Amino acid sequence: SGAGTAEEPWTDEVKTKFETKSRSAFLDPCQEAAEKSIRCIHRNGGDRTMCSDYFQAYRDCKKSWVCSR
């Protein structure tokens, strides 16, 4: 199941991780989308224009996460 989708990052698994993490731990349900964006940049020699779909997926995930909190 992972960290959810760009449409719905707040899955049961993420909710459990969030509720059981230590108070100082940071949880980003969009971390998977962020990592995909970074891998895309590395894979394309820093050419950000090649990764616009990944960036949009990350922005959509963050927007969904902020709206659902």
N, C-alpha and C. Protein backbone atom coordinates (compact mmCIF):
# COMPACT_ATOMS: atom_id res chain seq x y z
N SER A 1 0.82 -1.20 0.00
CA SER A 1 0.00 0.00 0.00
C SER A 1 0.85 1.25 0.00
N GLY A 2 1.97 1.32 0.74
CA GLY A 2 2.87 2.46 0.67
C GLY A 2 2.34 3.70 1.33
N ALA A 3 2.74 4.83 0.79
CA ALA A 3 2.39 6.11 1.40
C ALA A 3 1.18 6.74 0.76
N GLY A 4 0.35 5.98 0.10
CA GLY A 4 -0.84 6.54 -0.52
C GLY A 4 -0.55 7.01 -1.92
N THR A 5 -1.49 7.71 -2.48
CA THR A 5 -1.34 8.22 -3.84
C THR A 5 -1.33 9.73 -3.78
N ALA A 6 -1.06 10.34 -4.93
CA ALA A 6 -1.12 11.80 -4.98
C ALA A 6 -2.53 12.28 -4.65
N GLU A 7 -3.52 11.46 -5.00
CA GLU A 7 -4.90 11.84 -4.73
C GLU A 7 -5.25 11.68 -3.25
N GLU A 8 -4.67 10.67 -2.60
CA GLU A 8 -5.03 10.39 -1.21
C GLU A 8 -3.81 9.92 -0.44
N PRO A 9 -3.00 10.87 0.07
CA PRO A 9 -1.79 10.48 0.80
C PRO A 9 -2.07 9.95 2.20
N TRP A 10 -3.24 10.20 2.75
CA TRP A 10 -3.55 9.83 4.14
C TRP A 10 -4.18 8.45 4.19
N THR A 11 -3.36 7.41 4.00
CA THR A 11 -3.83 6.03 4.04
C THR A 11 -3.85 5.55 5.49
N ASP A 12 -4.43 4.38 5.71
CA ASP A 12 -4.44 3.80 7.06
C ASP A 12 -3.02 3.59 7.57
N GLU A 13 -2.14 3.14 6.67
CA GLU A 13 -0.74 2.90 7.06
C GLU A 13 -0.06 4.20 7.49
N VAL A 14 -0.26 5.27 6.72
CA VAL A 14 0.34 6.56 7.06
C VAL A 14 -0.26 7.10 8.36
N LYS A 15 -1.56 6.94 8.54
CA LYS A 15 -2.21 7.38 9.77
C LYS A 15 -1.61 6.68 10.98
N THR A 16 -1.40 5.37 10.86
CA THR A 16 -0.80 4.61 11.97
C THR A 16 0.61 5.10 12.25
N LYS A 17 1.42 5.30 11.20
CA LYS A 17 2.78 5.81 11.39
C LYS A 17 2.76 7.17 12.08
N PHE A 18 1.83 8.03 11.65
CA PHE A 18 1.74 9.37 12.22
C PHE A 18 1.35 9.32 13.70
N GLU A 19 0.39 8.47 14.02
CA GLU A 19 -0.11 8.41 15.40
C GLU A 19 0.85 7.72 16.35
N THR A 20 1.76 6.89 15.83
CA THR A 20 2.67 6.14 16.70
C THR A 20 4.10 6.67 16.66
N LYS A 21 4.38 7.68 15.85
CA LYS A 21 5.74 8.22 15.79
C LYS A 21 6.05 8.99 17.07
N SER A 22 7.35 9.15 17.34
CA SER A 22 7.72 9.96 18.51
C SER A 22 7.38 11.42 18.23
N ARG A 23 7.21 12.20 19.26
CA ARG A 23 6.79 13.59 19.09
C ARG A 23 7.79 14.41 18.29
N SER A 24 9.05 14.02 18.30
CA SER A 24 10.06 14.79 17.57
C SER A 24 10.25 14.29 16.14
N ALA A 25 9.64 13.16 15.80
CA ALA A 25 9.82 12.60 14.46
C ALA A 25 8.93 13.34 13.46
N PHE A 26 9.44 13.48 12.25
CA PHE A 26 8.72 14.15 11.18
C PHE A 26 8.18 13.10 10.22
N LEU A 27 6.95 13.21 9.83
CA LEU A 27 6.35 12.28 8.89
C LEU A 27 5.81 13.06 7.70
N ASP A 28 6.27 12.69 6.52
CA ASP A 28 5.80 13.32 5.30
C ASP A 28 5.14 12.24 4.44
N PRO A 29 3.81 12.23 4.35
CA PRO A 29 3.14 11.21 3.55
C PRO A 29 3.43 11.35 2.06
N CYS A 30 4.06 12.43 1.67
CA CYS A 30 4.39 12.66 0.26
C CYS A 30 5.87 12.39 -0.01
N GLN A 31 6.54 11.74 0.92
CA GLN A 31 7.98 11.47 0.77
C GLN A 31 8.27 10.65 -0.48
N GLU A 32 7.42 9.69 -0.78
CA GLU A 32 7.64 8.86 -1.98
C GLU A 32 7.62 9.72 -3.24
N ALA A 33 6.68 10.65 -3.34
CA ALA A 33 6.60 11.54 -4.50
C ALA A 33 7.83 12.44 -4.56
N ALA A 34 8.29 12.90 -3.40
CA ALA A 34 9.49 13.75 -3.35
C ALA A 34 10.71 12.98 -3.83
N GLU A 35 10.85 11.75 -3.38
CA GLU A 35 11.99 10.92 -3.79
C GLU A 35 11.97 10.64 -5.28
N LYS A 36 10.79 10.42 -5.84
CA LYS A 36 10.69 10.20 -7.28
C LYS A 36 11.12 11.44 -8.05
N SER A 37 10.77 12.62 -7.55
CA SER A 37 11.18 13.87 -8.19
C SER A 37 12.69 14.01 -8.18
N ILE A 38 13.30 13.72 -7.04
CA ILE A 38 14.76 13.84 -6.91
C ILE A 38 15.46 12.83 -7.82
N ARG A 39 14.95 11.60 -7.84
CA ARG A 39 15.55 10.58 -8.72
C ARG A 39 15.45 11.00 -10.19
N CYS A 40 14.33 11.61 -10.56
CA CYS A 40 14.15 12.07 -11.93
C CYS A 40 15.19 13.14 -12.28
N ILE A 41 15.41 14.08 -11.36
CA ILE A 41 16.40 15.13 -11.61
C ILE A 41 17.79 14.51 -11.81
N HIS A 42 18.16 13.57 -10.95
CA HIS A 42 19.47 12.91 -11.07
C HIS A 42 19.57 12.12 -12.37
N ARG A 43 18.50 11.41 -12.71
CA ARG A 43 18.48 10.58 -13.91
C ARG A 43 18.61 11.43 -15.18
N ASN A 44 18.12 12.67 -15.12
CA ASN A 44 18.12 13.54 -16.30
C ASN A 44 19.18 14.64 -16.22
N GLY A 45 20.21 14.41 -15.44
CA GLY A 45 21.34 15.34 -15.39
C GLY A 45 20.97 16.73 -14.92
N GLY A 46 19.98 16.84 -14.05
CA GLY A 46 19.59 18.13 -13.50
C GLY A 46 18.58 18.90 -14.33
N ASP A 47 18.14 18.31 -15.44
CA ASP A 47 17.16 18.98 -16.31
C ASP A 47 15.77 18.87 -15.69
N ARG A 48 15.36 19.92 -14.99
CA ARG A 48 14.08 19.93 -14.29
C ARG A 48 12.88 19.87 -15.23
N THR A 49 13.05 20.32 -16.47
CA THR A 49 11.93 20.31 -17.41
C THR A 49 11.48 18.89 -17.73
N MET A 50 12.37 17.92 -17.57
CA MET A 50 12.04 16.51 -17.84
C MET A 50 11.21 15.90 -16.71
N CYS A 51 11.09 16.61 -15.59
CA CYS A 51 10.47 16.02 -14.40
C CYS A 51 9.19 16.73 -13.97
N SER A 52 8.61 17.50 -14.84
CA SER A 52 7.45 18.31 -14.45
C SER A 52 6.28 17.45 -13.94
N ASP A 53 6.10 16.27 -14.51
CA ASP A 53 5.02 15.39 -14.03
C ASP A 53 5.26 14.96 -12.59
N TYR A 54 6.51 14.68 -12.26
CA TYR A 54 6.85 14.28 -10.89
C TYR A 54 6.63 15.44 -9.92
N PHE A 55 7.02 16.63 -10.34
CA PHE A 55 6.83 17.82 -9.49
C PHE A 55 5.34 18.07 -9.26
N GLN A 56 4.55 17.92 -10.31
CA GLN A 56 3.11 18.14 -10.18
C GLN A 56 2.48 17.10 -9.25
N ALA A 57 2.92 15.86 -9.36
CA ALA A 57 2.40 14.81 -8.47
C ALA A 57 2.72 15.14 -7.02
N TYR A 58 3.93 15.67 -6.77
CA TYR A 58 4.31 16.06 -5.41
C TYR A 58 3.45 17.22 -4.92
N ARG A 59 3.26 18.24 -5.77
CA ARG A 59 2.42 19.38 -5.38
C ARG A 59 0.98 18.94 -5.11
N ASP A 60 0.45 18.05 -5.94
CA ASP A 60 -0.91 17.55 -5.74
C ASP A 60 -1.01 16.77 -4.43
N CYS A 61 0.01 15.98 -4.13
CA CYS A 61 0.03 15.22 -2.89
C CYS A 61 0.04 16.16 -1.69
N LYS A 62 0.93 17.16 -1.73
CA LYS A 62 1.02 18.11 -0.62
C LYS A 62 -0.30 18.86 -0.43
N LYS A 63 -0.90 19.28 -1.53
CA LYS A 63 -2.17 20.00 -1.44
C LYS A 63 -3.23 19.12 -0.79
N SER A 64 -3.31 17.87 -1.24
CA SER A 64 -4.27 16.93 -0.67
C SER A 64 -4.00 16.70 0.81
N TRP A 65 -2.74 16.57 1.18
CA TRP A 65 -2.33 16.33 2.58
C TRP A 65 -2.71 17.52 3.46
N VAL A 66 -2.42 18.73 3.00
CA VAL A 66 -2.72 19.93 3.78
C VAL A 66 -4.24 20.10 3.93
N CYS A 67 -4.98 19.84 2.88
CA CYS A 67 -6.43 19.99 2.93
C CYS A 67 -7.10 18.94 3.82
N SER A 68 -6.47 17.76 3.95
CA SER A 68 -7.09 16.69 4.73
C SER A 68 -6.71 16.73 6.20
N ARG A 69 -5.77 17.58 6.58
CA ARG A 69 -5.32 17.63 7.98
C ARG A 69 -6.28 18.34 8.85
